[in-house]
Amino acid sequence: MKYKVIDISEEDYGCEGIPEDSELMCSVLIESYDGTQKWLKIADRYLRENDIDIGSVITAD
């Protein structure tokens, strides 16, 4: 199913920072063409490598 990316926000790791052996994660709000919205957690690296930004159309299950 195809979704449009509505919002992207970086996870807040507080003053401790990103835990060791972890990577920066983002919360991504996606919307289907019928208007259904849901939040996904996606690695920031994946978003950058695949040029995914607000307004992008992605395929997800």
PDB file of N, CA and C in Angstrom:
ATOM      1  N   MET A   1       0.845  -1.174   0.000  1.00  0.00           N
ATOM      2  CA  MET A   1       0.000   0.000   0.000  1.00  0.00           C
ATOM      3  C   MET A   1       0.894   1.242   0.000  1.00  0.00           C
ATOM      4  N   LYS A   2       0.459   2.277  -0.682  1.00  0.00           N
ATOM      5  CA  LYS A   2       1.236   3.515  -0.762  1.00  0.00           C
ATOM      6  C   LYS A   2       0.727   4.519   0.270  1.00  0.00           C
ATOM      7  N   TYR A   3       1.705   5.245   0.841  1.00  0.00           N
ATOM      8  CA  TYR A   3       1.412   6.238   1.865  1.00  0.00           C
ATOM      9  C   TYR A   3       2.185   7.511   1.563  1.00  0.00           C
ATOM     10  N   LYS A   4       1.633   8.629   1.987  1.00  0.00           N
ATOM     11  CA  LYS A   4       2.319   9.914   1.890  1.00  0.00           C
ATOM     12  C   LYS A   4       2.887  10.243   3.259  1.00  0.00           C
ATOM     13  N   VAL A   5       4.144  10.712   3.299  1.00  0.00           N
ATOM     14  CA  VAL A   5       4.781  11.105   4.547  1.00  0.00           C
ATOM     15  C   VAL A   5       4.265  12.490   4.926  1.00  0.00           C
ATOM     16  N   ILE A   6       3.639  12.564   6.119  1.00  0.00           N
ATOM     17  CA  ILE A   6       3.026  13.807   6.590  1.00  0.00           C
ATOM     18  C   ILE A   6       3.960  14.577   7.525  1.00  0.00           C
ATOM     19  N   ASP A   7       4.687  13.851   8.388  1.00  0.00           N
ATOM     20  CA  ASP A   7       5.546  14.501   9.372  1.00  0.00           C
ATOM     21  C   ASP A   7       6.697  13.565   9.729  1.00  0.00           C
ATOM     22  N   ILE A   8       7.837  14.139  10.054  1.00  0.00           N
ATOM     23  CA  ILE A   8       9.008  13.378  10.512  1.00  0.00           C
ATOM     24  C   ILE A   8       9.581  14.128  11.708  1.00  0.00           C
ATOM     25  N   SER A   9       9.798  13.402  12.805  1.00  0.00           N
ATOM     26  CA  SER A   9      10.439  14.027  13.962  1.00  0.00           C
ATOM     27  C   SER A   9      11.452  13.053  14.550  1.00  0.00           C
ATOM     28  N   GLU A  10      12.603  13.604  14.948  1.00  0.00           N
ATOM     29  CA  GLU A  10      13.640  12.784  15.567  1.00  0.00           C
ATOM     30  C   GLU A  10      13.205  12.390  16.967  1.00  0.00           C
ATOM     31  N   GLU A  11      13.552  11.190  17.363  1.00  0.00           N
ATOM     32  CA  GLU A  11      13.283  10.743  18.718  1.00  0.00           C
ATOM     33  C   GLU A  11      14.075  11.615  19.692  1.00  0.00           C
ATOM     34  N   ASP A  12      13.532  11.856  20.869  1.00  0.00           N
ATOM     35  CA  ASP A  12      14.199  12.655  21.894  1.00  0.00           C
ATOM     36  C   ASP A  12      14.900  11.711  22.864  1.00  0.00           C
ATOM     37  N   TYR A  13      16.213  11.707  22.834  1.00  0.00           N
ATOM     38  CA  TYR A  13      16.987  10.820  23.690  1.00  0.00           C
ATOM     39  C   TYR A  13      17.442  11.517  24.972  1.00  0.00           C
ATOM     40  N   GLY A  14      17.007  12.747  25.173  1.00  0.00           N
ATOM     41  CA  GLY A  14      17.352  13.480  26.379  1.00  0.00           C
ATOM     42  C   GLY A  14      18.844  13.738  26.494  1.00  0.00           C
ATOM     43  N   CYS A  15      19.289  14.041  27.701  1.00  0.00           N
ATOM     44  CA  CYS A  15      20.692  14.384  27.915  1.00  0.00           C
ATOM     45  C   CYS A  15      21.606  13.157  27.836  1.00  0.00           C
ATOM     46  N   GLU A  16      21.035  11.955  27.910  1.00  0.00           N
ATOM     47  CA  GLU A  16      21.853  10.743  27.822  1.00  0.00           C
ATOM     48  C   GLU A  16      22.340  10.489  26.394  1.00  0.00           C
ATOM     49  N   GLY A  17      21.635  11.004  25.418  1.00  0.00           N
ATOM     50  CA  GLY A  17      22.005  10.792  24.022  1.00  0.00           C
ATOM     51  C   GLY A  17      21.540   9.423  23.531  1.00  0.00           C
ATOM     52  N   ILE A  18      21.946   9.093  22.335  1.00  0.00           N
ATOM     53  CA  ILE A  18      21.557   7.817  21.733  1.00  0.00           C
ATOM     54  C   ILE A  18      22.258   6.688  22.479  1.00  0.00           C
ATOM     55  N   PRO A  19      21.515   5.634  22.883  1.00  0.00           N
ATOM     56  CA  PRO A  19      22.144   4.511  23.583  1.00  0.00           C
ATOM     57  C   PRO A  19      23.245   3.864  22.731  1.00  0.00           C
ATOM     58  N   GLU A  20      24.265   3.331  23.402  1.00  0.00           N
ATOM     59  CA  GLU A  20      25.342   2.645  22.683  1.00  0.00           C
ATOM     60  C   GLU A  20      24.765   1.542  21.811  1.00  0.00           C
ATOM     61  N   ASP A  21      25.412   1.284  20.688  1.00  0.00           N
ATOM     62  CA  ASP A  21      24.999   0.253  19.730  1.00  0.00           C
ATOM     63  C   ASP A  21      23.595   0.494  19.183  1.00  0.00           C
ATOM     64  N   SER A  22      23.138   1.744  19.189  1.00  0.00           N
ATOM     65  CA  SER A  22      21.843   2.110  18.621  1.00  0.00           C
ATOM     66  C   SER A  22      22.073   3.173  17.566  1.00  0.00           C
ATOM     67  N   GLU A  23      21.035   3.441  16.799  1.00  0.00           N
ATOM     68  CA  GLU A  23      21.139   4.515  15.822  1.00  0.00           C
ATOM     69  C   GLU A  23      19.972   5.472  16.006  1.00  0.00           C
ATOM     70  N   LEU A  24      20.117   6.669  15.484  1.00  0.00           N
ATOM     71  CA  LEU A  24      19.092   7.696  15.589  1.00  0.00           C
ATOM     72  C   LEU A  24      17.827   7.218  14.879  1.00  0.00           C
ATOM     73  N   MET A  25      16.720   7.241  15.605  1.00  0.00           N
ATOM     74  CA  MET A  25      15.440   6.835  15.047  1.00  0.00           C
ATOM     75  C   MET A  25      14.538   8.054  14.908  1.00  0.00           C
ATOM     76  N   CYS A  26      13.631   7.989  13.948  1.00  0.00           N
ATOM     77  CA  CYS A  26      12.671   9.059  13.720  1.00  0.00           C
ATOM     78  C   CYS A  26      11.259   8.493  13.783  1.00  0.00           C
ATOM     79  N   SER A  27      10.335   9.307  14.254  1.00  0.00           N
ATOM     80  CA  SER A  27       8.919   8.971  14.183  1.00  0.00           C
ATOM     81  C   SER A  27       8.399   9.577  12.889  1.00  0.00           C
ATOM     82  N   VAL A  28       7.757   8.741  12.084  1.00  0.00           N
ATOM     83  CA  VAL A  28       7.284   9.178  10.772  1.00  0.00           C
ATOM     84  C   VAL A  28       5.777   8.971  10.712  1.00  0.00           C
ATOM     85  N   LEU A  29       5.034  10.050  10.477  1.00  0.00           N
ATOM     86  CA  LEU A  29       3.587   9.978  10.325  1.00  0.00           C
ATOM     87  C   LEU A  29       3.280   9.792   8.848  1.00  0.00           C
ATOM     88  N   ILE A  30       2.574   8.695   8.542  1.00  0.00           N
ATOM     89  CA  ILE A  30       2.203   8.431   7.155  1.00  0.00           C
ATOM     90  C   ILE A  30       0.688   8.406   7.040  1.00  0.00           C
ATOM     91  N   GLU A  31       0.198   8.706   5.838  1.00  0.00           N
ATOM     92  CA  GLU A  31      -1.239   8.731   5.591  1.00  0.00           C
ATOM     93  C   GLU A  31      -1.536   7.988   4.301  1.00  0.00           C
ATOM     94  N   SER A  32      -2.532   7.076   4.370  1.00  0.00           N
ATOM     95  CA  SER A  32      -2.946   6.354   3.173  1.00  0.00           C
ATOM     96  C   SER A  32      -3.869   7.251   2.356  1.00  0.00           C
ATOM     97  N   TYR A  33      -4.175   6.813   1.152  1.00  0.00           N
ATOM     98  CA  TYR A  33      -5.027   7.627   0.289  1.00  0.00           C
ATOM     99  C   TYR A  33      -6.465   7.704   0.782  1.00  0.00           C
ATOM    100  N   ASP A  34      -6.858   6.806   1.720  1.00  0.00           N
ATOM    101  CA  ASP A  34      -8.208   6.893   2.291  1.00  0.00           C
ATOM    102  C   ASP A  34      -8.237   7.764   3.552  1.00  0.00           C
ATOM    103  N   GLY A  35      -7.090   8.361   3.907  1.00  0.00           N
ATOM    104  CA  GLY A  35      -7.016   9.278   5.034  1.00  0.00           C
ATOM    105  C   GLY A  35      -6.576   8.655   6.347  1.00  0.00           C
ATOM    106  N   THR A  36      -6.356   7.337   6.377  1.00  0.00           N
ATOM    107  CA  THR A  36      -5.900   6.663   7.585  1.00  0.00           C
ATOM    108  C   THR A  36      -4.450   7.041   7.860  1.00  0.00           C
ATOM    109  N   GLN A  37      -4.165   7.419   9.102  1.00  0.00           N
ATOM    110  CA  GLN A  37      -2.805   7.809   9.480  1.00  0.00           C
ATOM    111  C   GLN A  37      -2.244   6.840  10.503  1.00  0.00           C
ATOM    112  N   LYS A  38      -0.916   6.653  10.463  1.00  0.00           N
ATOM    113  CA  LYS A  38      -0.236   5.877  11.499  1.00  0.00           C
ATOM    114  C   LYS A  38       1.211   6.332  11.612  1.00  0.00           C
ATOM    115  N   TRP A  39       1.761   6.107  12.823  1.00  0.00           N
ATOM    116  CA  TRP A  39       3.156   6.473  13.105  1.00  0.00           C
ATOM    117  C   TRP A  39       4.033   5.249  12.963  1.00  0.00           C
ATOM    118  N   LEU A  40       5.210   5.428  12.359  1.00  0.00           N
ATOM    119  CA  LEU A  40       6.217   4.383  12.242  1.00  0.00           C
ATOM    120  C   LEU A  40       7.521   4.897  12.837  1.00  0.00           C
ATOM    121  N   LYS A  41       8.340   3.994  13.358  1.00  0.00           N
ATOM    122  CA  LYS A  41       9.698   4.361  13.782  1.00  0.00           C
ATOM    123  C   LYS A  41      10.644   3.834  12.706  1.00  0.00           C
ATOM    124  N   ILE A  42      11.409   4.757  12.135  1.00  0.00           N
ATOM    125  CA  ILE A  42      12.310   4.420  11.036  1.00  0.00           C
ATOM    126  C   ILE A  42      13.664   5.056  11.326  1.00  0.00           C
ATOM    127  N   ALA A  43      14.732   4.332  11.039  1.00  0.00           N
ATOM    128  CA  ALA A  43      16.080   4.850  11.260  1.00  0.00           C
ATOM    129  C   ALA A  43      16.321   6.080  10.388  1.00  0.00           C
ATOM    130  N   ASP A  44      16.898   7.112  10.997  1.00  0.00           N
ATOM    131  CA  ASP A  44      17.234   8.334  10.270  1.00  0.00           C
ATOM    132  C   ASP A  44      18.125   8.027   9.069  1.00  0.00           C
ATOM    133  N   ARG A  45      19.065   7.113   9.252  1.00  0.00           N
ATOM    134  CA  ARG A  45      19.964   6.717   8.164  1.00  0.00           C
ATOM    135  C   ARG A  45      19.169   6.202   6.957  1.00  0.00           C
ATOM    136  N   TYR A  46      18.153   5.365   7.211  1.00  0.00           N
ATOM    137  CA  TYR A  46      17.326   4.813   6.130  1.00  0.00           C
ATOM    138  C   TYR A  46      16.590   5.932   5.389  1.00  0.00           C
ATOM    139  N   LEU A  47      16.043   6.884   6.143  1.00  0.00           N
ATOM    140  CA  LEU A  47      15.338   8.003   5.519  1.00  0.00           C
ATOM    141  C   LEU A  47      16.268   8.791   4.608  1.00  0.00           C
ATOM    142  N   ARG A  48      17.481   9.091   5.096  1.00  0.00           N
ATOM    143  CA  ARG A  48      18.442   9.860   4.282  1.00  0.00           C
ATOM    144  C   ARG A  48      18.908   9.077   3.065  1.00  0.00           C
ATOM    145  N   GLU A  49      19.228   7.790   3.251  1.00  0.00           N
ATOM    146  CA  GLU A  49      19.723   6.968   2.141  1.00  0.00           C
ATOM    147  C   GLU A  49      18.687   6.812   1.032  1.00  0.00           C
ATOM    148  N   ASN A  50      17.404   6.866   1.394  1.00  0.00           N
ATOM    149  CA  ASN A  50      16.333   6.674   0.420  1.00  0.00           C
ATOM    150  C   ASN A  50      15.613   7.966   0.055  1.00  0.00           C
ATOM    151  N   ASP A  51      16.214   9.110   0.437  1.00  0.00           N
ATOM    152  CA  ASP A  51      15.659  10.441   0.122  1.00  0.00           C
ATOM    153  C   ASP A  51      14.185  10.557   0.502  1.00  0.00           C
ATOM    154  N   ILE A  52      13.828  10.051   1.690  1.00  0.00           N
ATOM    155  CA  ILE A  52      12.454  10.149   2.168  1.00  0.00           C
ATOM    156  C   ILE A  52      12.342  11.394   3.036  1.00  0.00           C
ATOM    157  N   ASP A  53      11.379  12.244   2.688  1.00  0.00           N
ATOM    158  CA  ASP A  53      11.145  13.493   3.412  1.00  0.00           C
ATOM    159  C   ASP A  53       9.651  13.740   3.457  1.00  0.00           C
ATOM    160  N   ILE A  54       9.237  14.787   4.129  1.00  0.00           N
ATOM    161  CA  ILE A  54       7.819  15.145   4.151  1.00  0.00           C
ATOM    162  C   ILE A  54       7.343  15.360   2.719  1.00  0.00           C
ATOM    163  N   GLY A  55       6.211  14.739   2.387  1.00  0.00           N
ATOM    164  CA  GLY A  55       5.666  14.826   1.041  1.00  0.00           C
ATOM    165  C   GLY A  55       6.014  13.641   0.161  1.00  0.00           C
ATOM    166  N   SER A  56       7.002  12.842   0.582  1.00  0.00           N
ATOM    167  CA  SER A  56       7.373  11.654  -0.191  1.00  0.00           C
ATOM    168  C   SER A  56       6.253  10.621  -0.152  1.00  0.00           C
ATOM    169  N   VAL A  57       6.167   9.811  -1.178  1.00  0.00           N
ATOM    170  CA  VAL A  57       5.236   8.693  -1.210  1.00  0.00           C
ATOM    171  C   VAL A  57       6.060   7.427  -1.048  1.00  0.00           C
ATOM    172  N   ILE A  58       5.659   6.604  -0.058  1.00  0.00           N
ATOM    173  CA  ILE A  58       6.392   5.374   0.229  1.00  0.00           C
ATOM    174  C   ILE A  58       5.435   4.189   0.159  1.00  0.00           C
ATOM    175  N   THR A  59       6.020   3.001   0.054  1.00  0.00           N
ATOM    176  CA  THR A  59       5.241   1.766   0.096  1.00  0.00           C
ATOM    177  C   THR A  59       5.543   1.067   1.414  1.00  0.00           C
ATOM    178  N   ALA A  60       4.501   0.680   2.132  1.00  0.00           N
ATOM    179  CA  ALA A  60       4.658  -0.009   3.413  1.00  0.00           C
ATOM    180  C   ALA A  60       3.534  -1.007   3.584  1.00  0.00           C
ATOM    181  N   ASP A  61       3.777  -1.989   4.465  1.00  0.00           N
ATOM    182  CA  ASP A  61       2.734  -2.993   4.761  1.00  0.00           C
ATOM    183  C   ASP A  61       1.843  -2.539   5.870  1.00  0.00           C
TER     184      ASP A  61
END
